[in-house]
Structure formats: C-alpha cells, structure tokens
Protein backbone atom coordinates (compact mmCIF):
# COMPACT_ATOMS: atom_id res chain seq x y z
CA MET A 1 7.92 -1.99 17.87
CA LYS A 2 8.51 -1.56 14.16
CA GLN A 3 8.64 -4.67 12.02
CA PRO A 4 11.28 -5.42 9.34
CA LEU A 5 11.16 -3.00 6.44
CA VAL A 6 9.01 -4.01 3.47
CA ILE A 7 9.36 -2.47 0.01
CA ALA A 8 6.15 -2.68 -2.04
CA PRO A 9 6.49 -1.45 -5.65
CA SER A 10 3.25 -0.01 -6.99
CA ILE A 11 2.50 -1.70 -10.30
CA LEU A 12 0.49 1.38 -11.30
CA SER A 13 3.83 2.59 -12.66
CA ALA A 14 4.88 -0.71 -14.23
CA ASP A 15 4.85 -1.61 -17.91
CA PHE A 16 1.34 -2.98 -18.42
CA ALA A 17 2.29 -4.51 -21.77
CA ARG A 18 4.49 -6.93 -19.83
CA LEU A 19 3.10 -6.68 -16.33
CA GLY A 20 4.02 -10.15 -15.12
CA GLU A 21 7.60 -9.82 -16.28
CA ASP A 22 8.01 -6.30 -14.89
CA THR A 23 6.50 -7.26 -11.53
CA GLU A 24 8.76 -10.30 -11.32
CA ALA A 25 11.77 -8.11 -12.12
CA ALA A 26 11.01 -5.77 -9.20
CA LEU A 27 10.64 -8.70 -6.82
CA SER A 28 13.84 -10.30 -8.09
CA ALA A 29 15.57 -6.95 -7.48
CA GLY A 30 14.75 -7.11 -3.78
CA ALA A 31 11.15 -5.95 -3.33
CA ASN A 32 8.95 -7.83 -0.84
CA TRP A 33 5.32 -7.14 -1.78
CA VAL A 34 3.33 -6.13 -4.85
CA HIS A 35 1.25 -2.98 -4.29
CA PHE A 36 -1.93 -3.12 -6.35
CA ASP A 37 -3.84 0.17 -6.79
CA VAL A 38 -7.53 -0.15 -7.67
CA MET A 39 -9.31 3.05 -8.78
CA ASP A 40 -12.89 3.45 -9.96
CA ASN A 41 -13.14 6.94 -11.56
CA HIS A 42 -15.70 7.69 -8.84
CA TYR A 43 -14.05 7.78 -5.42
CA VAL A 44 -10.86 8.91 -7.16
CA PRO A 45 -10.46 10.55 -10.59
CA ASN A 46 -8.82 7.64 -12.35
CA LEU A 47 -9.65 4.14 -13.58
CA THR A 48 -7.16 1.32 -13.20
CA ILE A 49 -7.32 -2.45 -12.72
CA GLY A 50 -9.52 -5.13 -11.17
CA PRO A 51 -9.53 -8.70 -9.81
CA LEU A 52 -8.81 -10.30 -13.19
CA VAL A 53 -5.41 -8.59 -13.30
CA CYS A 54 -4.67 -9.74 -9.75
CA LYS A 55 -5.52 -13.31 -10.76
CA ALA A 56 -3.40 -12.95 -13.89
CA LEU A 57 -0.36 -12.10 -11.77
CA ARG A 58 -0.96 -15.18 -9.63
CA ASP A 59 -1.42 -17.31 -12.75
CA TYR A 60 1.81 -15.86 -14.15
CA GLY A 61 3.60 -17.20 -11.07
CA ILE A 62 3.83 -14.23 -8.70
CA THR A 63 3.89 -15.70 -5.19
CA ALA A 64 4.81 -12.60 -3.16
CA PRO A 65 2.12 -10.94 -1.03
CA ILE A 66 -0.22 -8.79 -3.13
CA ASP A 67 -1.16 -5.65 -1.24
CA VAL A 68 -4.48 -4.45 -2.69
CA HIS A 69 -5.43 -0.81 -2.07
CA LEU A 70 -9.09 -0.31 -2.92
CA MET A 71 -10.00 3.24 -3.92
CA ILE A 72 -13.59 2.45 -4.87
CA GLU A 73 -17.06 3.02 -3.48
CA PRO A 74 -19.09 1.20 -2.42
CA VAL A 75 -16.33 -1.20 -1.51
CA ASP A 76 -17.89 -4.31 0.06
CA ARG A 77 -19.07 -5.89 -3.17
CA ILE A 78 -15.56 -6.23 -4.62
CA ILE A 79 -13.72 -7.47 -1.50
CA PRO A 80 -14.57 -11.19 -1.98
CA ASP A 81 -13.57 -10.98 -5.66
CA PHE A 82 -10.08 -9.77 -4.80
CA ALA A 83 -9.71 -12.34 -2.05
CA GLU A 84 -10.58 -15.08 -4.53
CA ALA A 85 -8.21 -13.57 -7.11
CA GLY A 86 -5.23 -13.93 -4.77
CA ALA A 87 -4.98 -10.78 -2.67
CA SER A 88 -2.99 -11.11 0.54
CA VAL A 89 -3.82 -7.73 2.10
CA ILE A 90 -6.88 -5.61 1.28
CA SER A 91 -6.96 -2.01 2.48
CA ILE A 92 -9.94 0.32 2.32
CA HIS A 93 -10.75 3.98 2.99
CA PRO A 94 -13.26 4.81 5.78
CA GLU A 95 -15.12 7.08 3.32
CA THR A 96 -15.89 4.19 0.97
CA THR A 97 -18.10 2.21 3.35
CA ARG A 98 -20.99 3.07 5.66
CA HIS A 99 -19.89 0.40 8.11
CA LEU A 100 -16.09 0.28 8.42
CA ASP A 101 -16.12 -2.30 11.22
CA ARG A 102 -18.23 -4.65 9.10
CA SER A 103 -16.12 -4.14 5.98
CA LEU A 104 -12.86 -4.85 7.80
CA SER A 105 -14.38 -7.97 9.31
CA LEU A 106 -15.44 -9.06 5.82
CA ILE A 107 -11.84 -8.78 4.58
CA ARG A 108 -10.63 -11.09 7.33
CA GLU A 109 -13.53 -13.48 6.84
CA CYS A 110 -12.40 -13.78 3.21
CA GLY A 111 -8.98 -14.90 4.39
CA CYS A 112 -7.00 -11.70 3.84
CA ARG A 113 -5.23 -9.30 6.14
CA ALA A 114 -7.14 -6.04 6.57
CA GLY A 115 -5.94 -2.47 6.28
CA VAL A 116 -7.42 0.99 6.69
CA VAL A 117 -6.26 3.91 4.53
CA PHE A 118 -6.08 7.59 5.46
CA ASN A 119 -6.02 10.40 2.91
CA PRO A 120 -3.86 13.44 3.73
CA ALA A 121 -6.74 15.34 5.37
CA THR A 122 -8.44 12.34 7.02
CA SER A 123 -8.17 12.13 10.81
CA LEU A 124 -6.65 9.07 12.47
CA ASP A 125 -9.42 9.02 15.11
CA VAL A 126 -11.22 6.08 13.51
CA LEU A 127 -8.27 3.89 14.55
CA ASP A 128 -9.45 4.07 18.15
CA TRP A 129 -12.39 1.84 17.23
CA VAL A 130 -10.94 -0.69 14.78
CA MET A 131 -7.41 -1.49 15.95
CA ASP A 132 -8.39 -5.06 16.79
CA LYS A 133 -9.66 -5.61 13.24
CA ILE A 134 -6.68 -4.41 11.21
CA ASP A 135 -3.24 -5.66 10.25
CA LEU A 136 -2.08 -2.55 8.41
CA VAL A 137 -2.46 1.24 8.47
CA LEU A 138 -1.77 2.98 5.16
CA LEU A 139 -1.13 6.72 5.11
CA MET A 140 -1.46 8.49 1.79
CA SER A 141 1.27 11.09 1.38
CA VAL A 142 -0.40 12.38 -1.79
CA ASN A 143 -4.05 12.77 -2.72
CA PRO A 144 -4.99 9.43 -4.29
CA GLY A 145 -5.76 9.08 -7.97
CA PHE A 146 -2.51 9.41 -9.88
CA GLY A 147 1.09 8.25 -9.62
CA GLY A 148 4.11 10.53 -9.72
CA GLN A 149 2.88 13.17 -7.26
CA LYS A 150 5.09 14.98 -4.76
CA PHE A 151 5.26 13.86 -1.13
CA ILE A 152 3.18 15.98 1.28
CA PRO A 153 5.59 16.86 4.15
CA SER A 154 2.92 17.05 6.86
CA THR A 155 2.52 13.29 6.47
CA LEU A 156 5.66 12.88 8.58
CA THR A 157 3.83 14.28 11.59
CA LYS A 158 0.89 12.00 10.88
CA LEU A 159 3.24 9.03 10.63
CA LYS A 160 4.59 9.72 14.10
CA LEU A 161 1.06 9.92 15.51
CA ALA A 162 0.06 6.68 13.80
CA ARG A 163 3.22 4.94 15.04
CA LYS A 164 2.40 6.04 18.61
CA ARG A 165 -1.12 4.58 18.38
CA ILE A 166 0.16 1.32 16.95
CA ASP A 167 2.88 0.96 19.57
CA GLU A 168 0.45 1.71 22.38
CA SER A 169 -1.93 -0.95 21.05
CA GLU A 170 0.82 -3.62 21.33
CA LEU A 171 -0.69 -5.24 18.23
CA GLU A 172 1.27 -6.41 15.17
CA ILE A 173 0.08 -3.75 12.74
CA ARG A 174 2.18 -2.56 9.83
CA LEU A 175 2.47 1.14 9.07
CA GLU A 176 2.60 1.76 5.33
CA ILE A 177 3.09 4.96 3.36
CA ASP A 178 2.23 5.63 -0.26
CA GLY A 179 2.88 8.67 -2.43
CA GLY A 180 6.06 10.42 -3.53
CA VAL A 181 8.30 7.95 -1.71
CA LYS A 182 11.86 7.89 -3.08
CA PRO A 183 15.40 7.29 -1.84
CA GLY A 184 15.85 10.98 -1.00
CA ASN A 185 13.03 11.06 1.58
CA ALA A 186 12.96 7.40 2.67
CA PRO A 187 15.26 7.92 5.71
CA GLU A 188 13.01 10.53 7.31
CA ILE A 189 9.89 8.49 6.44
CA ILE A 190 11.35 5.43 8.16
CA ALA A 191 12.54 7.54 11.10
CA ALA A 192 8.97 8.84 11.52
CA GLY A 193 7.71 5.28 11.97
CA ALA A 194 6.90 3.69 8.62
CA ASP A 195 7.88 0.05 8.15
CA THR A 196 6.32 -0.51 4.70
CA LEU A 197 7.19 1.73 1.75
CA VAL A 198 5.16 1.91 -1.44
CA ALA A 199 7.11 3.30 -4.38
CA GLY A 200 5.88 3.38 -7.96
CA SER A 201 7.62 5.69 -10.40
CA ALA A 202 10.76 5.79 -8.21
CA ILE A 203 11.27 2.07 -8.91
CA PHE A 204 9.62 1.37 -12.24
CA GLY A 205 10.90 4.63 -13.74
CA ALA A 206 14.50 3.68 -13.02
CA ASP A 207 16.93 1.74 -15.19
CA ASP A 208 18.13 -0.29 -12.21
CA TYR A 209 15.30 -1.47 -9.95
CA GLY A 210 17.71 -3.13 -7.52
CA ARG A 211 19.72 0.02 -6.90
CA VAL A 212 16.59 2.05 -6.11
CA ILE A 213 15.24 -0.65 -3.79
CA SER A 214 18.59 -0.85 -2.00
CA ALA A 215 18.64 2.94 -1.73
CA LEU A 216 15.16 2.93 -0.19
CA ARG A 217 16.51 0.54 2.42
CA GLY A 218 19.49 2.82 2.99
CA GLU A 219 21.94 0.17 1.75
CA VAL A 220 23.52 2.28 -1.02
CA ASP A 221 23.92 5.99 -1.69
CA THR A 222 21.05 7.58 -3.56
CA ALA A 223 21.65 8.26 -7.23
C-alpha cells in the first residue's frame, strides 16, 4: 500500500547564496523533505556539496527530514559523516559499493533510514536480496549528474515493477522518483506507484513555490 505523498525539493536547484532561507521557504510552502544531492565528479560528472552543508542546514534551523542521495564512490567512508551531520535518509547506488548489503546495514547502524538508488538502465533485481535492509527505493528518471533534465518515459514502467515488489514484500518502503518531475507529469508518476516526488528546478525555478507544490499534489491546476 502506498504511503502519504511526500514532496522533496532538491536543493541542487536552490539559491546557494541563501540556501537556508530558500530551503525554509520551500518547506513553508508545503514541502515535506529536503532532497540533498551529493556528487563527486567521479561516479557522476558533477561536483556538489558535502556533510558540512548538511550540518549548516541543521544549524540554520531546518528540522524536516533531510533525504541524502549519495552519488559518490567509494561510498562507505562518507556515510557516518552525513549521519553525524543530520541526515535522516541516506540512499546509495549499488554500483558505488562492493558490498551493498554491508553498506545498507552501515546506514542503519548510523541511525538513518536506508535507501537504494537505480539509474535508468540499472535492473531492479538487486532488490530481491536487500528488501529487509531498506526503507526507500529511489528510481532515477534521468541519468544522474545534472538538474533540469527531461523525464525518461520508460521510468513509468519501472515504477510499476518497483511498486509491485514493494507491495509484495509487505514492508513499509517508500518509492521515490527523481528527475524531470513537474506538475505536468506528476499524475502519471503517482499513478504508476511513486509516493515520494523529488523536484528541483520545477520548484526552485518558479516564482510561487507553494503553487507548484500544490500542483504536484494535484490540488490546483498546473500553470
């Protein structure tokens, strides 16, 4: 069964000159989580932010769950640092660790919820062996590395397959999607099984964060 819908703005698209204020504005406008993209210019072709920025958001006063998506390899070394910095959820790609089971266990041992991330061409088969160690499945609907990309339509089929696996497991696992999510495609994304929507430029690129967030929820007409 799907859980209540969560909207998680990706701060990759926020104003970094006033990150705390911009993040707070998105949450005040109706968002639930903060999505925190970490890139290393190695696993993905971009370099973004680290644990110090996560801690800075907590120190600023952000109390909402911080959903950390690690696009780095090797990944194990940095997991405890993000847990200490205030991460609530830490999600990793199978390709970034030699021992996925161990890495997911490490996330939970550090006091965070654990997630596994699938790139557009990555098979869901690994889920068969780690369902008892995860709290979230994140499907990338773009190739990771940059914001503002277009949604890959085949992800809808993958979403349905992931939803089926989660439902059959009878575990409380969230199904998140990231990449090209906007009010225009949110209804079909939700219908395919997603219960957690990451949106970056769609929210932070708008003049009215609240209207976009409401539109993602289907509460107002899309602009």
